[in-house]
Amino acid sequence: MANAFWAAPSAPPAPPANPWPGVSMSWHGTNGTAWDLCSDESGVRLAPGVTGLTTPPRDRYTSQSAGVPGSRNRGGRTAEREVFWPLAVWEQSGTAAWLEYDAAFWASLNPRSTGVWRVTPPSGQWRELTCRPTGDGNKAWDFAPGLVGWTKYGVYLVAEDPFWYGPEITSPLWTSAAPVDFIPPGGGPPYHPGSATTIDSAKLTNPGDEVAWPTWTVTGPVDSVQVSVDGHSVGYGELIEGDVLVIDTDPRVQTATLNGVDVTGDLDSYDFAPIPAGETVPLDIVMVGGGTLQASYRPRYDRAW
């Protein structure tokens, strides 16, 4: 009769090493929770094999002609970006603690909404990609969840907007010149005309790889304001003291709101233009009154760094 011998269970294997020294990656989840993806302690750690950090896919349109070698480029379109995270979720305080932590992490990956993946290289210049989780590839399990303190996953996401965004760039507050008394004292009633000023020094720089669509914020009082970029202009009429007009030129939005109310149809001119990639462009701003104008935009990049 054979003898049976029972050995003490071996210690669980250590979690995989962090392959991202000097790089910070985080996930602001679909439910608003924040997660460190390069944790050196119990938490979430990305493994080698991450995709989505480099150039997004691009559809190229061409034409060919009989008797002419090669093709002619007719433009292109940047497609949505697929993202893959091989990672380990680990919590070594016990099985119950691991199950609770794992459930909390997956609650941040709801496919019905989007979250933000931020990558900060050693330079400190972070960029962000908005992602929609799409699943875990129907993970196969080899042991009970939480038994060894950590578990590997493959997380799939898609960036419907395929570009990485840098920090917002905000222009100075541009103002028109102060009103001037042009009737001498005693020579007539006080009269202070608002100045119609062209701000010749105004310009915007886009360091990104793609065009940037600015948001223009005008604060009253102004009699009128008009902003032109490369001959394309947008304008609006009177704003009283305290009024705030926001004109978002992004093609996915392209709206104007006055104190939160849509006034797109009331724009004097409606010819939006972006800031070209990698360029500095002068602006033609004509503003009548004592209010302010400011531009803001986020540069878009092909890569995370």
Protein backbone atom coordinates (compact mmCIF):
# COMPACT_ATOMS: atom_id res chain seq x y z
CA MET A 1 0.00 0.00 0.00
CA ALA A 2 1.44 3.34 -1.05
CA ASN A 3 2.05 6.02 1.54
CA ALA A 4 0.64 9.51 1.05
CA PHE A 5 2.72 12.47 2.14
CA TRP A 6 1.38 16.00 2.61
CA ALA A 7 3.79 18.89 2.33
CA ALA A 8 3.26 22.39 3.65
CA PRO A 9 1.89 24.69 0.89
CA SER A 10 4.53 26.74 -0.87
CA ALA A 11 4.56 30.52 -0.54
CA PRO A 12 2.70 32.34 -3.33
CA PRO A 13 4.95 33.70 -6.08
CA ALA A 14 5.99 37.32 -5.89
CA PRO A 15 4.15 39.77 -8.12
CA PRO A 16 5.85 40.69 -11.39
CA ALA A 17 8.54 43.37 -11.32
CA ASN A 18 7.67 46.92 -12.34
CA PRO A 19 8.91 47.38 -15.95
CA TRP A 20 8.22 51.14 -15.95
CA PRO A 21 10.85 52.76 -13.71
CA GLY A 22 10.76 56.53 -13.94
CA VAL A 23 7.41 56.54 -15.76
CA SER A 24 4.13 57.33 -14.03
CA MET A 25 0.86 55.98 -15.41
CA SER A 26 -2.55 56.48 -13.87
CA TRP A 27 -6.19 55.75 -14.65
CA HIS A 28 -8.99 58.14 -13.75
CA GLY A 29 -11.76 55.62 -13.98
CA THR A 30 -15.24 55.69 -15.44
CA ASN A 31 -16.64 56.09 -11.92
CA GLY A 32 -14.26 58.90 -10.95
CA THR A 33 -11.83 56.82 -8.89
CA ALA A 34 -8.07 57.20 -9.42
CA TRP A 35 -5.63 54.30 -9.83
CA ASP A 36 -1.84 54.14 -9.99
CA LEU A 37 -0.96 51.71 -12.80
CA CYS A 38 2.73 51.42 -11.85
CA SER A 39 2.34 50.67 -8.16
CA ASP A 40 5.37 49.52 -6.18
CA GLU A 41 3.11 48.39 -3.36
CA SER A 42 -0.16 46.48 -3.26
CA GLY A 43 -2.30 47.72 -6.13
CA VAL A 44 -2.26 47.62 -9.93
CA ARG A 45 0.85 47.17 -12.05
CA LEU A 46 1.16 47.26 -15.83
CA ALA A 47 3.30 44.49 -17.33
CA PRO A 48 5.30 44.55 -20.57
CA GLY A 49 3.22 44.54 -23.74
CA VAL A 50 1.16 47.74 -23.33
CA THR A 51 -0.24 49.13 -26.59
CA GLY A 52 -1.69 52.56 -27.35
CA LEU A 53 1.33 54.67 -26.44
CA THR A 54 2.57 55.32 -29.97
CA THR A 55 1.19 56.50 -33.34
CA PRO A 56 -2.53 55.83 -33.91
CA PRO A 57 -3.79 53.99 -37.01
CA ARG A 58 -4.51 56.16 -40.04
CA ASP A 59 -6.65 55.46 -43.07
CA ARG A 60 -4.95 56.78 -46.21
CA TYR A 61 -6.88 57.72 -49.34
CA THR A 62 -5.15 57.47 -52.72
CA SER A 63 -5.93 57.41 -56.42
CA GLN A 64 -4.20 55.77 -59.37
CA SER A 65 -4.13 56.65 -63.05
CA ALA A 66 -3.56 54.37 -65.98
CA GLY A 67 -0.04 54.71 -67.34
CA VAL A 68 1.16 56.68 -64.31
CA PRO A 69 3.37 54.78 -61.87
CA GLY A 70 2.52 54.69 -58.20
CA SER A 71 -0.36 56.56 -56.58
CA ARG A 72 -1.40 60.05 -55.59
CA ASN A 73 -2.13 60.87 -51.98
CA ARG A 74 -5.68 62.20 -51.48
CA GLY A 75 -5.61 62.71 -47.74
CA GLY A 76 -6.37 60.53 -44.77
CA ARG A 77 -8.27 60.04 -41.54
CA THR A 78 -6.97 59.05 -38.13
CA ALA A 79 -8.93 56.04 -36.92
CA GLU A 80 -9.88 55.16 -33.36
CA ARG A 81 -7.03 53.77 -31.27
CA GLU A 82 -7.04 50.33 -29.66
CA VAL A 83 -5.42 50.07 -26.23
CA PHE A 84 -4.28 46.96 -24.37
CA TRP A 85 -3.12 46.77 -20.75
CA PRO A 86 -1.50 43.55 -19.50
CA LEU A 87 -1.53 44.04 -15.75
CA ALA A 88 -1.59 42.41 -12.33
CA VAL A 89 -4.01 43.28 -9.57
CA TRP A 90 -2.49 42.42 -6.23
CA GLU A 91 -3.49 42.75 -2.61
CA GLN A 92 -1.61 40.61 -0.09
CA SER A 93 -3.75 41.26 2.99
CA GLY A 94 -5.83 38.14 2.34
CA THR A 95 -8.36 36.70 -0.07
CA ALA A 96 -11.28 38.83 1.13
CA ALA A 97 -9.19 42.01 0.81
CA TRP A 98 -8.08 41.00 -2.68
CA LEU A 99 -11.64 40.31 -3.82
CA GLU A 100 -12.76 43.71 -2.53
CA TYR A 101 -9.84 45.51 -4.19
CA ASP A 102 -10.29 43.65 -7.49
CA ALA A 103 -14.00 44.50 -7.59
CA ALA A 104 -13.25 48.17 -6.92
CA PHE A 105 -10.73 48.28 -9.76
CA TRP A 106 -13.13 46.70 -12.25
CA ALA A 107 -15.84 49.13 -11.19
CA SER A 108 -13.58 51.84 -12.69
CA LEU A 109 -13.69 50.05 -16.07
CA ASN A 110 -17.37 50.32 -16.97
CA PRO A 111 -17.77 50.12 -20.77
CA ARG A 112 -20.80 52.41 -20.64
CA SER A 113 -18.56 55.42 -19.99
CA THR A 114 -15.00 56.68 -20.50
CA GLY A 115 -12.01 57.34 -18.27
CA VAL A 116 -8.65 59.05 -18.70
CA TRP A 117 -5.26 57.35 -18.98
CA ARG A 118 -2.44 59.72 -18.02
CA VAL A 119 1.23 59.02 -18.80
CA THR A 120 4.05 61.08 -17.29
CA PRO A 121 7.56 60.26 -18.64
CA PRO A 122 10.75 61.29 -16.82
CA SER A 123 10.51 64.73 -18.46
CA GLY A 124 7.40 65.42 -16.36
CA GLN A 125 5.37 66.54 -19.43
CA TRP A 126 2.21 64.47 -19.00
CA ARG A 127 -0.33 63.63 -21.70
CA GLU A 128 -3.79 62.08 -21.44
CA LEU A 129 -5.87 59.72 -23.58
CA THR A 130 -9.62 59.30 -23.08
CA CYS A 131 -10.49 55.59 -23.25
CA ARG A 132 -13.61 53.43 -23.18
CA PRO A 133 -13.06 49.99 -21.56
CA THR A 134 -14.25 47.11 -23.73
CA GLY A 135 -13.53 44.01 -21.63
CA ASP A 136 -10.99 41.54 -20.33
CA GLY A 137 -10.88 39.13 -23.27
CA ASN A 138 -12.89 36.49 -21.36
CA LYS A 139 -10.03 35.73 -18.99
CA ALA A 140 -9.38 32.06 -18.19
CA TRP A 141 -8.85 31.23 -14.50
CA ASP A 142 -6.40 28.57 -13.29
CA PHE A 143 -7.05 28.96 -9.56
CA ALA A 144 -9.51 30.51 -7.15
CA PRO A 145 -9.53 34.35 -7.26
CA GLY A 146 -7.34 35.90 -4.58
CA LEU A 147 -5.62 32.64 -3.66
CA VAL A 148 -2.09 33.89 -4.32
CA GLY A 149 -2.61 37.61 -3.62
CA TRP A 150 -2.40 38.76 -7.23
CA THR A 151 -3.91 37.92 -10.62
CA LYS A 152 -2.97 38.80 -14.18
CA TYR A 153 -5.46 40.36 -16.57
CA GLY A 154 -5.56 41.64 -20.12
CA VAL A 155 -7.65 44.82 -20.22
CA TYR A 156 -8.94 46.07 -23.58
CA LEU A 157 -9.93 49.69 -24.21
CA VAL A 158 -10.60 51.92 -27.20
CA ALA A 159 -9.82 55.62 -27.64
CA GLU A 160 -12.61 56.96 -29.84
CA ASP A 161 -10.68 60.23 -29.93
CA PRO A 162 -7.27 58.77 -30.86
CA PHE A 163 -5.07 61.69 -29.81
CA TRP A 164 -3.11 62.25 -26.63
CA TYR A 165 -3.85 65.65 -25.06
CA GLY A 166 -1.35 67.85 -23.27
CA PRO A 167 -2.11 70.41 -20.53
CA GLU A 168 -4.40 73.28 -21.49
CA ILE A 169 -2.72 76.35 -22.96
CA THR A 170 -4.29 79.66 -21.94
CA SER A 171 -3.56 83.00 -23.62
CA PRO A 172 -3.10 86.30 -21.79
CA LEU A 173 -6.21 88.35 -21.06
CA TRP A 174 -6.49 90.68 -24.02
CA THR A 175 -8.19 94.03 -23.43
CA SER A 176 -8.95 97.05 -25.56
CA ALA A 177 -7.46 100.44 -24.72
CA ALA A 178 -9.08 102.54 -21.99
CA PRO A 179 -11.66 105.14 -23.09
CA VAL A 180 -10.38 108.69 -23.63
CA ASP A 181 -12.10 112.06 -23.04
CA PHE A 182 -12.02 113.83 -26.37
CA ILE A 183 -14.24 116.82 -25.42
CA PRO A 184 -12.32 119.25 -23.18
CA PRO A 185 -13.72 119.88 -19.68
CA GLY A 186 -16.35 122.60 -19.80
CA GLY A 187 -16.70 122.26 -23.58
CA GLY A 188 -19.61 119.84 -23.49
CA PRO A 189 -21.11 116.93 -21.59
CA PRO A 190 -18.78 114.11 -20.45
CA TYR A 191 -18.32 111.68 -23.32
CA HIS A 192 -16.19 108.52 -23.04
CA PRO A 193 -16.19 106.51 -26.28
CA GLY A 194 -15.12 102.89 -26.08
CA SER A 195 -12.08 102.24 -28.22
CA ALA A 196 -12.12 99.95 -31.21
CA THR A 197 -8.72 98.36 -30.82
CA THR A 198 -6.83 95.93 -33.03
CA ILE A 199 -4.47 93.94 -30.81
CA ASP A 200 -1.52 93.51 -33.15
CA SER A 201 0.66 91.53 -30.74
CA ALA A 202 -1.86 88.74 -30.15
CA LYS A 203 -0.72 85.31 -31.33
CA LEU A 204 -1.16 81.64 -30.43
CA THR A 205 1.31 78.73 -30.63
CA ASN A 206 0.25 75.11 -31.07
CA PRO A 207 3.05 72.68 -30.10
CA GLY A 208 0.95 69.63 -30.97
CA ASP A 209 0.95 67.18 -33.88
CA GLU A 210 -2.64 68.05 -34.87
CA VAL A 211 -4.53 71.29 -35.33
CA ALA A 212 -5.90 72.84 -32.11
CA TRP A 213 -9.40 74.32 -31.95
CA PRO A 214 -9.48 77.20 -29.46
CA THR A 215 -12.24 78.20 -27.09
CA TRP A 216 -12.76 81.98 -26.97
CA THR A 217 -14.03 83.48 -23.70
CA VAL A 218 -15.23 87.08 -23.79
CA THR A 219 -16.20 88.92 -20.59
CA GLY A 220 -18.26 92.10 -20.82
CA PRO A 221 -18.69 94.93 -21.11
CA VAL A 222 -18.06 95.10 -24.85
CA ASP A 223 -20.00 96.67 -27.70
CA SER A 224 -18.67 94.05 -30.10
CA VAL A 225 -15.79 91.64 -30.58
CA GLN A 226 -14.34 89.87 -33.61
CA VAL A 227 -11.46 87.39 -33.77
CA SER A 228 -9.82 86.27 -37.01
CA VAL A 229 -7.37 83.41 -37.60
CA ASP A 230 -5.83 83.28 -41.07
CA GLY A 231 -8.73 85.26 -42.51
CA HIS A 232 -11.44 83.18 -40.83
CA SER A 233 -13.40 85.15 -38.24
CA VAL A 234 -15.96 84.72 -35.49
CA GLY A 235 -17.73 87.65 -33.85
CA TYR A 236 -20.50 88.75 -31.52
CA GLY A 237 -22.25 91.97 -30.50
CA GLU A 238 -22.90 93.65 -27.18
CA LEU A 239 -22.14 92.18 -23.76
CA ILE A 240 -23.03 94.04 -20.58
CA GLU A 241 -20.91 94.11 -17.43
CA GLY A 242 -20.52 90.57 -16.06
CA ASP A 243 -21.71 88.76 -19.19
CA VAL A 244 -19.54 85.78 -20.22
CA LEU A 245 -19.58 84.57 -23.82
CA VAL A 246 -17.89 81.21 -24.54
CA ILE A 247 -17.30 80.21 -28.18
CA ASP A 248 -16.11 76.60 -28.58
CA THR A 249 -14.75 76.12 -32.12
CA ASP A 250 -14.14 72.35 -31.86
CA PRO A 251 -15.92 70.74 -34.86
CA ARG A 252 -17.52 68.21 -32.51
CA VAL A 253 -19.14 71.07 -30.58
CA GLN A 254 -19.01 74.44 -32.38
CA THR A 255 -21.36 76.34 -30.11
CA ALA A 256 -21.51 79.74 -28.44
CA THR A 257 -23.08 80.22 -25.01
CA LEU A 258 -23.86 83.46 -23.20
CA ASN A 259 -24.04 82.95 -19.44
CA GLY A 260 -24.72 79.27 -20.16
CA VAL A 261 -27.47 79.86 -22.75
CA ASP A 262 -26.91 78.78 -26.37
CA VAL A 263 -26.51 81.84 -28.64
CA THR A 264 -24.78 80.16 -31.57
CA GLY A 265 -27.34 81.54 -33.98
CA ASP A 266 -26.62 85.10 -32.80
CA LEU A 267 -22.96 85.14 -33.84
CA ASP A 268 -22.13 87.98 -36.24
CA SER A 269 -19.69 85.74 -38.11
CA TYR A 270 -19.37 81.97 -38.05
CA ASP A 271 -16.17 80.93 -39.78
CA PHE A 272 -14.19 78.92 -37.25
CA ALA A 273 -10.52 78.12 -37.82
CA PRO A 274 -7.96 76.02 -35.93
CA ILE A 275 -4.38 76.78 -34.89
CA PRO A 276 -2.16 74.76 -37.29
CA ALA A 277 0.03 72.02 -35.83
CA GLY A 278 3.51 73.13 -34.80
CA GLU A 279 2.93 76.76 -35.78
CA THR A 280 2.56 80.20 -34.23
CA VAL A 281 -0.15 82.30 -35.86
CA PRO A 282 -1.03 85.98 -35.41
CA LEU A 283 -4.59 86.92 -34.50
CA ASP A 284 -6.63 89.83 -35.75
CA ILE A 285 -8.74 90.94 -32.76
CA VAL A 286 -11.07 93.92 -32.89
CA MET A 287 -12.82 94.64 -29.61
CA VAL A 288 -14.98 97.65 -28.73
CA GLY A 289 -15.44 98.25 -25.02
CA GLY A 290 -13.73 97.60 -21.74
CA GLY A 291 -14.07 93.82 -21.50
CA THR A 292 -11.56 91.02 -21.96
CA LEU A 293 -10.88 88.19 -24.40
CA GLN A 294 -8.99 84.98 -23.69
CA ALA A 295 -8.22 81.86 -25.73
CA SER A 296 -7.70 78.34 -24.40
CA TYR A 297 -6.97 75.03 -26.09
CA ARG A 298 -5.32 71.67 -25.48
CA PRO A 299 -2.65 70.53 -27.96
CA ARG A 300 -3.15 67.06 -29.43
CA TYR A 301 -0.34 64.57 -30.00
CA ASP A 302 0.07 61.26 -31.82
CA ARG A 303 2.15 59.70 -29.03
CA ALA A 304 2.22 59.62 -25.25
CA TRP A 305 5.68 61.23 -25.24
